[in-house]
Amino acid sequence: MNTRQLGNPLFTMRKQYGMIIFWFFFPGLFNLFLINDWLDNGNIIGLVFALIIWLPAFYVLADRIRSRIFVHEKGLIVQSLLGTKTVKFTPALQMYIGRIQDRVYGVNTARHVSIRLVQNKEEIKIPSTFLYMEELIDVLLNYQSQTMLPAIVQAFNDGKTLNFGAIKLSNKMIAVKDKKFPFAELREIEVENGVLRLYTHTNSGGLLQKGAAFVQLSKIANFDVLNHLLSGSQPNAEDDVKIY
């Protein structure tokens, strides 16, 4: 594909090199004895074992050197050890974002973001080891809002059923894991800690009940578009549908 079709280049993503230090230096002390034995005694077996132990490190190093993502306005060029793929953004693009928050003794320590792109039965996985993940998400969301959203809103208003991965949506109902929920039966839609939950009824104390359905956001395609549609889809519901 001609890269001109992808628009202007924006930035280049590469993987972090932190794992290289681990793979080289963690077994390094043991390998020093093996290499020293080879140098002093000519023990070729020691050298062979040292190289075998370091094989994962050499693979990770080669992966870091080769792996690049060239981000353009309308597409990506994904370069890896297995080859190069070109992804041109189209209205059929489905974006899945996974966010993982690491915690140690209740304290947030690190945040990881992974992206999975599905288009025309092709899947591209972009792991959290890449730098500039949030910047890539901004590019994808910008394409969604400018190119995809108007057509999706029109289809939604026309009563068509839209596919958001684990969720199907029309202007009358939402389906989660093949369970259909008319908007008139919903009391609330909550998004918290990476999970979307539906509430359908109250108990005797007037508290909302969880358990109608739930799904992880990482399994929902184009969540920002879904959120936009849900925020304005509840005029006919008995109670407001709220997004948190």
C-alpha atoms as a PDB file:
ATOM      1  CA  MET A   1       0.000   0.000   0.000  1.00  0.00           C
ATOM      2  CA  ASN A   2       1.213   3.489  -0.841  1.00  0.00           C
ATOM      3  CA  THR A   3       1.993   5.276   2.419  1.00  0.00           C
ATOM      4  CA  ARG A   4       0.490   8.456   0.963  1.00  0.00           C
ATOM      5  CA  GLN A   5      -2.917   6.845   1.483  1.00  0.00           C
ATOM      6  CA  LEU A   6      -2.219   6.865   5.218  1.00  0.00           C
ATOM      7  CA  GLY A   7      -1.871  10.643   5.419  1.00  0.00           C
ATOM      8  CA  ASN A   8       0.898  12.599   7.079  1.00  0.00           C
ATOM      9  CA  PRO A   9       3.276  10.761   9.443  1.00  0.00           C
ATOM     10  CA  LEU A  10       2.747  11.734  13.089  1.00  0.00           C
ATOM     11  CA  PHE A  11       5.233   9.817  15.253  1.00  0.00           C
ATOM     12  CA  THR A  12       7.025   6.489  15.656  1.00  0.00           C
ATOM     13  CA  MET A  13       6.474   4.016  18.492  1.00  0.00           C
ATOM     14  CA  ARG A  14       9.096   1.619  19.812  1.00  0.00           C
ATOM     15  CA  LYS A  15       9.215  -0.892  22.624  1.00  0.00           C
ATOM     16  CA  GLN A  16      10.750  -0.258  26.021  1.00  0.00           C
ATOM     17  CA  TYR A  17      14.151  -1.764  26.764  1.00  0.00           C
ATOM     18  CA  GLY A  18      13.594  -2.527  30.447  1.00  0.00           C
ATOM     19  CA  MET A  19      13.185  -6.274  29.891  1.00  0.00           C
ATOM     20  CA  ILE A  20      16.547  -6.409  28.115  1.00  0.00           C
ATOM     21  CA  ILE A  21      18.328  -5.496  31.341  1.00  0.00           C
ATOM     22  CA  PHE A  22      16.450  -8.234  33.200  1.00  0.00           C
ATOM     23  CA  TRP A  23      17.133 -10.974  30.650  1.00  0.00           C
ATOM     24  CA  PHE A  24      20.832 -10.145  30.331  1.00  0.00           C
ATOM     25  CA  PHE A  25      21.757  -9.443  33.942  1.00  0.00           C
ATOM     26  CA  PHE A  26      19.505 -11.836  35.869  1.00  0.00           C
ATOM     27  CA  PRO A  27      21.282 -14.962  34.509  1.00  0.00           C
ATOM     28  CA  GLY A  28      24.463 -12.961  33.997  1.00  0.00           C
ATOM     29  CA  LEU A  29      26.211 -13.928  37.243  1.00  0.00           C
ATOM     30  CA  PHE A  30      25.792 -17.625  36.530  1.00  0.00           C
ATOM     31  CA  ASN A  31      26.912 -17.138  32.933  1.00  0.00           C
ATOM     32  CA  LEU A  32      30.090 -15.389  34.079  1.00  0.00           C
ATOM     33  CA  PHE A  33      31.224 -18.613  35.736  1.00  0.00           C
ATOM     34  CA  LEU A  34      30.455 -20.608  32.582  1.00  0.00           C
ATOM     35  CA  ILE A  35      32.280 -18.170  30.308  1.00  0.00           C
ATOM     36  CA  ASN A  36      35.214 -17.949  32.722  1.00  0.00           C
ATOM     37  CA  ASP A  37      35.437 -21.746  32.721  1.00  0.00           C
ATOM     38  CA  TRP A  38      35.533 -21.686  28.927  1.00  0.00           C
ATOM     39  CA  LEU A  39      38.267 -19.027  28.859  1.00  0.00           C
ATOM     40  CA  ASP A  40      40.421 -20.723  31.502  1.00  0.00           C
ATOM     41  CA  ASN A  41      39.881 -24.384  30.693  1.00  0.00           C
ATOM     42  CA  GLY A  42      38.617 -24.347  27.129  1.00  0.00           C
ATOM     43  CA  ASN A  43      35.337 -25.941  28.251  1.00  0.00           C
ATOM     44  CA  ILE A  44      33.178 -25.408  25.167  1.00  0.00           C
ATOM     45  CA  ILE A  45      30.161 -26.907  26.939  1.00  0.00           C
ATOM     46  CA  GLY A  46      30.187 -24.000  29.383  1.00  0.00           C
ATOM     47  CA  LEU A  47      30.090 -21.509  26.500  1.00  0.00           C
ATOM     48  CA  VAL A  48      27.224 -23.389  24.835  1.00  0.00           C
ATOM     49  CA  PHE A  49      25.187 -23.401  28.052  1.00  0.00           C
ATOM     50  CA  ALA A  50      25.848 -19.678  28.551  1.00  0.00           C
ATOM     51  CA  LEU A  51      24.575 -18.894  25.056  1.00  0.00           C
ATOM     52  CA  ILE A  52      21.500 -21.096  25.564  1.00  0.00           C
ATOM     53  CA  ILE A  53      20.684 -19.297  28.805  1.00  0.00           C
ATOM     54  CA  TRP A  54      21.033 -15.961  27.024  1.00  0.00           C
ATOM     55  CA  LEU A  55      18.922 -16.975  24.008  1.00  0.00           C
ATOM     56  CA  PRO A  56      15.734 -15.352  25.397  1.00  0.00           C
ATOM     57  CA  ALA A  57      17.692 -12.152  25.973  1.00  0.00           C
ATOM     58  CA  PHE A  58      18.972 -12.100  22.391  1.00  0.00           C
ATOM     59  CA  TYR A  59      15.430 -12.724  21.103  1.00  0.00           C
ATOM     60  CA  VAL A  60      14.013  -9.892  23.209  1.00  0.00           C
ATOM     61  CA  LEU A  61      16.825  -7.600  22.049  1.00  0.00           C
ATOM     62  CA  ALA A  62      16.158  -8.421  18.387  1.00  0.00           C
ATOM     63  CA  ASP A  63      12.437  -7.839  18.953  1.00  0.00           C
ATOM     64  CA  ARG A  64      13.084  -4.439  20.525  1.00  0.00           C
ATOM     65  CA  ILE A  65      15.412  -3.373  17.717  1.00  0.00           C
ATOM     66  CA  ARG A  66      13.052  -4.489  14.947  1.00  0.00           C
ATOM     67  CA  SER A  67       9.629  -3.599  16.386  1.00  0.00           C
ATOM     68  CA  ARG A  68       8.318  -0.217  15.310  1.00  0.00           C
ATOM     69  CA  ILE A  69       4.895   1.306  14.709  1.00  0.00           C
ATOM     70  CA  PHE A  70       4.815   4.240  12.303  1.00  0.00           C
ATOM     71  CA  VAL A  71       1.697   6.221  13.130  1.00  0.00           C
ATOM     72  CA  HIS A  72       0.031   8.231  10.355  1.00  0.00           C
ATOM     73  CA  GLU A  73      -3.151  10.285  10.311  1.00  0.00           C
ATOM     74  CA  LYS A  74      -5.161   7.542   8.612  1.00  0.00           C
ATOM     75  CA  GLY A  75      -3.298   4.344   9.348  1.00  0.00           C
ATOM     76  CA  LEU A  76      -0.411   2.432  10.860  1.00  0.00           C
ATOM     77  CA  ILE A  77       2.655   0.602   9.596  1.00  0.00           C
ATOM     78  CA  VAL A  78       3.397  -2.169  12.098  1.00  0.00           C
ATOM     79  CA  GLN A  79       6.895  -3.627  11.869  1.00  0.00           C
ATOM     80  CA  SER A  80       7.912  -6.759  13.824  1.00  0.00           C
ATOM     81  CA  LEU A  81      10.234  -9.760  13.627  1.00  0.00           C
ATOM     82  CA  LEU A  82       7.537 -11.577  11.652  1.00  0.00           C
ATOM     83  CA  GLY A  83       7.224  -8.909   8.971  1.00  0.00           C
ATOM     84  CA  THR A  84       5.435  -5.652   8.267  1.00  0.00           C
ATOM     85  CA  LYS A  85       1.691  -4.963   8.173  1.00  0.00           C
ATOM     86  CA  THR A  86      -0.060  -1.853   6.953  1.00  0.00           C
ATOM     87  CA  VAL A  87      -3.370  -0.888   8.538  1.00  0.00           C
ATOM     88  CA  LYS A  88      -5.478   1.760   6.817  1.00  0.00           C
ATOM     89  CA  PHE A  89      -8.223   3.118   9.040  1.00  0.00           C
ATOM     90  CA  THR A  90     -11.738   2.511   7.708  1.00  0.00           C
ATOM     91  CA  PRO A  91     -15.225   2.885   9.243  1.00  0.00           C
ATOM     92  CA  ALA A  92     -15.106  -0.876   9.938  1.00  0.00           C
ATOM     93  CA  LEU A  93     -12.237  -0.432  12.421  1.00  0.00           C
ATOM     94  CA  GLN A  94     -12.898  -1.941  15.856  1.00  0.00           C
ATOM     95  CA  MET A  95     -10.650  -0.763  18.676  1.00  0.00           C
ATOM     96  CA  TYR A  96     -10.386  -2.636  21.974  1.00  0.00           C
ATOM     97  CA  ILE A  97      -8.510  -0.934  24.809  1.00  0.00           C
ATOM     98  CA  GLY A  98      -7.366  -2.819  27.896  1.00  0.00           C
ATOM     99  CA  ARG A  99      -6.207  -0.893  30.958  1.00  0.00           C
ATOM    100  CA  ILE A 100      -4.558  -2.675  33.888  1.00  0.00           C
ATOM    101  CA  GLN A 101      -3.694  -0.878  37.116  1.00  0.00           C
ATOM    102  CA  ASP A 102      -0.979  -2.565  39.201  1.00  0.00           C
ATOM    103  CA  ARG A 103      -1.380  -2.181  42.948  1.00  0.00           C
ATOM    104  CA  VAL A 104       1.001  -3.003  45.793  1.00  0.00           C
ATOM    105  CA  TYR A 105      -0.505  -2.973  49.297  1.00  0.00           C
ATOM    106  CA  GLY A 106      -3.412  -0.934  47.965  1.00  0.00           C
ATOM    107  CA  VAL A 107      -1.185   1.691  46.334  1.00  0.00           C
ATOM    108  CA  ASN A 108      -1.276   2.265  42.570  1.00  0.00           C
ATOM    109  CA  THR A 109       2.210   1.502  41.235  1.00  0.00           C
ATOM    110  CA  ALA A 110       1.956   1.180  37.453  1.00  0.00           C
ATOM    111  CA  ARG A 111      -0.582   1.381  34.671  1.00  0.00           C
ATOM    112  CA  HIS A 112      -0.526  -0.728  31.539  1.00  0.00           C
ATOM    113  CA  VAL A 113      -2.463  -0.126  28.338  1.00  0.00           C
ATOM    114  CA  SER A 114      -2.909  -2.639  25.527  1.00  0.00           C
ATOM    115  CA  ILE A 115      -4.677  -2.113  22.213  1.00  0.00           C
ATOM    116  CA  ARG A 116      -6.265  -4.630  19.882  1.00  0.00           C
ATOM    117  CA  LEU A 117      -7.401  -3.518  16.423  1.00  0.00           C
ATOM    118  CA  VAL A 118      -9.762  -5.670  14.357  1.00  0.00           C
ATOM    119  CA  GLN A 119     -10.608  -4.805  10.771  1.00  0.00           C
ATOM    120  CA  ASN A 120     -11.666  -6.954   7.822  1.00  0.00           C
ATOM    121  CA  LYS A 121     -10.981 -10.137   9.841  1.00  0.00           C
ATOM    122  CA  GLU A 122      -7.403  -9.007  10.515  1.00  0.00           C
ATOM    123  CA  GLU A 123      -6.216  -8.481  14.069  1.00  0.00           C
ATOM    124  CA  ILE A 124      -3.352  -6.312  15.265  1.00  0.00           C
ATOM    125  CA  LYS A 125      -2.266  -6.527  18.910  1.00  0.00           C
ATOM    126  CA  ILE A 126      -0.227  -3.678  20.355  1.00  0.00           C
ATOM    127  CA  PRO A 127       1.101  -4.611  23.818  1.00  0.00           C
ATOM    128  CA  SER A 128       1.846  -2.260  26.679  1.00  0.00           C
ATOM    129  CA  THR A 129       5.602  -2.647  26.062  1.00  0.00           C
ATOM    130  CA  PHE A 130       5.304   0.040  23.357  1.00  0.00           C
ATOM    131  CA  LEU A 131       5.909   3.672  24.249  1.00  0.00           C
ATOM    132  CA  TYR A 132       3.412   6.443  23.358  1.00  0.00           C
ATOM    133  CA  MET A 133       0.326   4.232  23.801  1.00  0.00           C
ATOM    134  CA  GLU A 134      -1.852   7.112  25.008  1.00  0.00           C
ATOM    135  CA  GLU A 135      -0.800   9.209  22.007  1.00  0.00           C
ATOM    136  CA  LEU A 136      -1.851   6.359  19.701  1.00  0.00           C
ATOM    137  CA  ILE A 137      -5.204   6.143  21.466  1.00  0.00           C
ATOM    138  CA  ASP A 138      -5.690   9.875  20.844  1.00  0.00           C
ATOM    139  CA  VAL A 139      -5.068   9.351  17.109  1.00  0.00           C
ATOM    140  CA  LEU A 140      -7.571   6.482  16.979  1.00  0.00           C
ATOM    141  CA  LEU A 141     -10.213   8.382  18.934  1.00  0.00           C
ATOM    142  CA  ASN A 142      -9.740  11.417  16.710  1.00  0.00           C
ATOM    143  CA  TYR A 143     -10.387   9.240  13.647  1.00  0.00           C
ATOM    144  CA  GLN A 144     -13.454   7.767  15.332  1.00  0.00           C
ATOM    145  CA  SER A 145     -14.964  11.137  16.180  1.00  0.00           C
ATOM    146  CA  GLN A 146     -14.314  12.727  12.789  1.00  0.00           C
ATOM    147  CA  THR A 147     -14.954   9.822  10.426  1.00  0.00           C
ATOM    148  CA  MET A 148     -16.806   6.973  12.112  1.00  0.00           C
ATOM    149  CA  LEU A 149     -19.127   8.683  14.579  1.00  0.00           C
ATOM    150  CA  PRO A 150     -21.453  10.538  12.150  1.00  0.00           C
ATOM    151  CA  ALA A 151     -22.242   7.368  10.170  1.00  0.00           C
ATOM    152  CA  ILE A 152     -22.689   5.289  13.336  1.00  0.00           C
ATOM    153  CA  VAL A 153     -25.031   7.872  14.874  1.00  0.00           C
ATOM    154  CA  GLN A 154     -27.110   7.882  11.688  1.00  0.00           C
ATOM    155  CA  ALA A 155     -27.340   4.073  11.690  1.00  0.00           C
ATOM    156  CA  PHE A 156     -28.303   4.144  15.378  1.00  0.00           C
ATOM    157  CA  ASN A 157     -31.045   6.708  14.760  1.00  0.00           C
ATOM    158  CA  ASP A 158     -32.331   4.568  11.878  1.00  0.00           C
ATOM    159  CA  GLY A 159     -32.872   1.682  14.300  1.00  0.00           C
ATOM    160  CA  LYS A 160     -30.067  -0.553  13.071  1.00  0.00           C
ATOM    161  CA  THR A 161     -28.316  -2.948  15.468  1.00  0.00           C
ATOM    162  CA  LEU A 162     -24.674  -1.981  15.952  1.00  0.00           C
ATOM    163  CA  ASN A 163     -21.864  -4.366  16.857  1.00  0.00           C
ATOM    164  CA  PHE A 164     -19.513  -3.296  19.661  1.00  0.00           C
ATOM    165  CA  GLY A 165     -17.886  -6.666  20.237  1.00  0.00           C
ATOM    166  CA  ALA A 166     -19.316  -8.077  23.464  1.00  0.00           C
ATOM    167  CA  ILE A 167     -22.203  -5.605  23.229  1.00  0.00           C
ATOM    168  CA  LYS A 168     -24.896  -5.146  20.593  1.00  0.00           C
ATOM    169  CA  LEU A 169     -26.852  -1.897  20.607  1.00  0.00           C
ATOM    170  CA  SER A 170     -29.938  -0.426  18.955  1.00  0.00           C
ATOM    171  CA  ASN A 171     -32.005   2.625  19.863  1.00  0.00           C
ATOM    172  CA  LYS A 172     -34.406   0.378  21.786  1.00  0.00           C
ATOM    173  CA  MET A 173     -32.221  -2.126  23.600  1.00  0.00           C
ATOM    174  CA  ILE A 174     -28.725  -3.206  24.604  1.00  0.00           C
ATOM    175  CA  ALA A 175     -27.567  -6.834  24.424  1.00  0.00           C
ATOM    176  CA  VAL A 176     -24.745  -8.141  26.613  1.00  0.00           C
ATOM    177  CA  LYS A 177     -23.564 -11.734  26.246  1.00  0.00           C
ATOM    178  CA  ASP A 178     -26.701 -12.516  24.221  1.00  0.00           C
ATOM    179  CA  LYS A 179     -28.985 -11.146  26.963  1.00  0.00           C
ATOM    180  CA  LYS A 180     -31.253  -8.385  25.664  1.00  0.00           C
ATOM    181  CA  PHE A 181     -32.260  -5.472  27.872  1.00  0.00           C
ATOM    182  CA  PRO A 182     -34.803  -2.913  26.599  1.00  0.00           C
ATOM    183  CA  PHE A 183     -33.889   0.580  27.750  1.00  0.00           C
ATOM    184  CA  ALA A 184     -37.296   0.880  29.446  1.00  0.00           C
ATOM    185  CA  GLU A 185     -36.209  -1.869  31.876  1.00  0.00           C
ATOM    186  CA  LEU A 186     -32.838  -0.342  32.742  1.00  0.00           C
ATOM    187  CA  ARG A 187     -32.307   1.825  35.784  1.00  0.00           C
ATOM    188  CA  GLU A 188     -28.631   2.561  35.406  1.00  0.00           C
ATOM    189  CA  ILE A 189     -25.520   1.759  33.372  1.00  0.00           C
ATOM    190  CA  GLU A 190     -22.321   2.070  35.373  1.00  0.00           C
ATOM    191  CA  VAL A 191     -18.694   1.973  34.292  1.00  0.00           C
ATOM    192  CA  GLU A 192     -16.258   1.404  37.131  1.00  0.00           C
ATOM    193  CA  ASN A 193     -12.804  -0.175  37.403  1.00  0.00           C
ATOM    194  CA  GLY A 194     -12.786  -1.275  33.770  1.00  0.00           C
ATOM    195  CA  VAL A 195     -16.176  -3.014  33.950  1.00  0.00           C
ATOM    196  CA  LEU A 196     -19.547  -1.977  32.490  1.00  0.00           C
ATOM    197  CA  ARG A 197     -22.526  -3.074  34.615  1.00  0.00           C
ATOM    198  CA  LEU A 198     -26.256  -2.937  33.972  1.00  0.00           C
ATOM    199  CA  TYR A 199     -28.817  -2.364  36.737  1.00  0.00           C
ATOM    200  CA  THR A 200     -32.400  -3.420  36.091  1.00  0.00           C
ATOM    201  CA  HIS A 201     -34.315  -3.285  39.373  1.00  0.00           C
ATOM    202  CA  THR A 202     -34.208  -2.238  43.024  1.00  0.00           C
ATOM    203  CA  ASN A 203     -34.496  -4.253  46.217  1.00  0.00           C
ATOM    204  CA  SER A 204     -36.772  -3.528  49.168  1.00  0.00           C
ATOM    205  CA  GLY A 205     -34.322  -0.971  50.487  1.00  0.00           C
ATOM    206  CA  GLY A 206     -34.371   0.990  47.277  1.00  0.00           C
ATOM    207  CA  LEU A 207     -30.775   0.121  46.395  1.00  0.00           C
ATOM    208  CA  LEU A 208     -29.835  -0.723  42.838  1.00  0.00           C
ATOM    209  CA  GLN A 209     -29.093  -4.362  42.145  1.00  0.00           C
ATOM    210  CA  LYS A 210     -25.983  -5.468  40.306  1.00  0.00           C
ATOM    211  CA  GLY A 211     -26.125  -8.737  38.455  1.00  0.00           C
ATOM    212  CA  ALA A 212     -28.279  -8.135  35.420  1.00  0.00           C
ATOM    213  CA  ALA A 213     -25.143  -8.183  33.256  1.00  0.00           C
ATOM    214  CA  PHE A 214     -21.561  -6.995  33.207  1.00  0.00           C
ATOM    215  CA  VAL A 215     -18.707  -6.970  30.702  1.00  0.00           C
ATOM    216  CA  GLN A 216     -15.075  -5.847  30.779  1.00  0.00           C
ATOM    217  CA  LEU A 217     -14.333  -2.724  28.759  1.00  0.00           C
ATOM    218  CA  SER A 218     -11.439  -4.526  27.051  1.00  0.00           C
ATOM    219  CA  LYS A 219     -14.046  -6.719  25.322  1.00  0.00           C
ATOM    220  CA  ILE A 220     -16.049  -3.735  24.041  1.00  0.00           C
ATOM    221  CA  ALA A 221     -15.085  -2.331  20.648  1.00  0.00           C
ATOM    222  CA  ASN A 222     -15.047   1.450  20.186  1.00  0.00           C
ATOM    223  CA  PHE A 223     -16.203   2.123  23.736  1.00  0.00           C
ATOM    224  CA  ASP A 224     -16.100   5.915  23.335  1.00  0.00           C
ATOM    225  CA  VAL A 225     -18.606   5.682  20.474  1.00  0.00           C
ATOM    226  CA  LEU A 226     -20.800   3.364  22.553  1.00  0.00           C
ATOM    227  CA  ASN A 227     -20.617   5.768  25.484  1.00  0.00           C
ATOM    228  CA  HIS A 228     -21.670   8.646  23.222  1.00  0.00           C
ATOM    229  CA  LEU A 229     -24.709   6.708  22.002  1.00  0.00           C
ATOM    230  CA  LEU A 230     -25.735   5.502  25.464  1.00  0.00           C
ATOM    231  CA  SER A 231     -25.518   8.994  26.905  1.00  0.00           C
ATOM    232  CA  GLY A 232     -28.356  10.092  24.632  1.00  0.00           C
ATOM    233  CA  SER A 233     -30.352   6.881  24.280  1.00  0.00           C
ATOM    234  CA  GLN A 234     -32.554   6.955  27.370  1.00  0.00           C
ATOM    235  CA  PRO A 235     -35.369   9.488  26.773  1.00  0.00           C
ATOM    236  CA  ASN A 236     -37.990   6.727  26.762  1.00  0.00           C
ATOM    237  CA  ALA A 237     -36.644   4.906  29.814  1.00  0.00           C
ATOM    238  CA  GLU A 238     -38.599   5.017  33.079  1.00  0.00           C
ATOM    239  CA  ASP A 239     -35.482   6.282  34.874  1.00  0.00           C
ATOM    240  CA  ASP A 240     -32.349   7.893  33.564  1.00  0.00           C
ATOM    241  CA  VAL A 241     -29.559   5.677  32.334  1.00  0.00           C
ATOM    242  CA  LYS A 242     -26.347   7.032  33.804  1.00  0.00           C
ATOM    243  CA  ILE A 243     -22.770   6.560  32.658  1.00  0.00           C
ATOM    244  CA  TYR A 244     -19.977   6.910  35.224  1.00  0.00           C
END
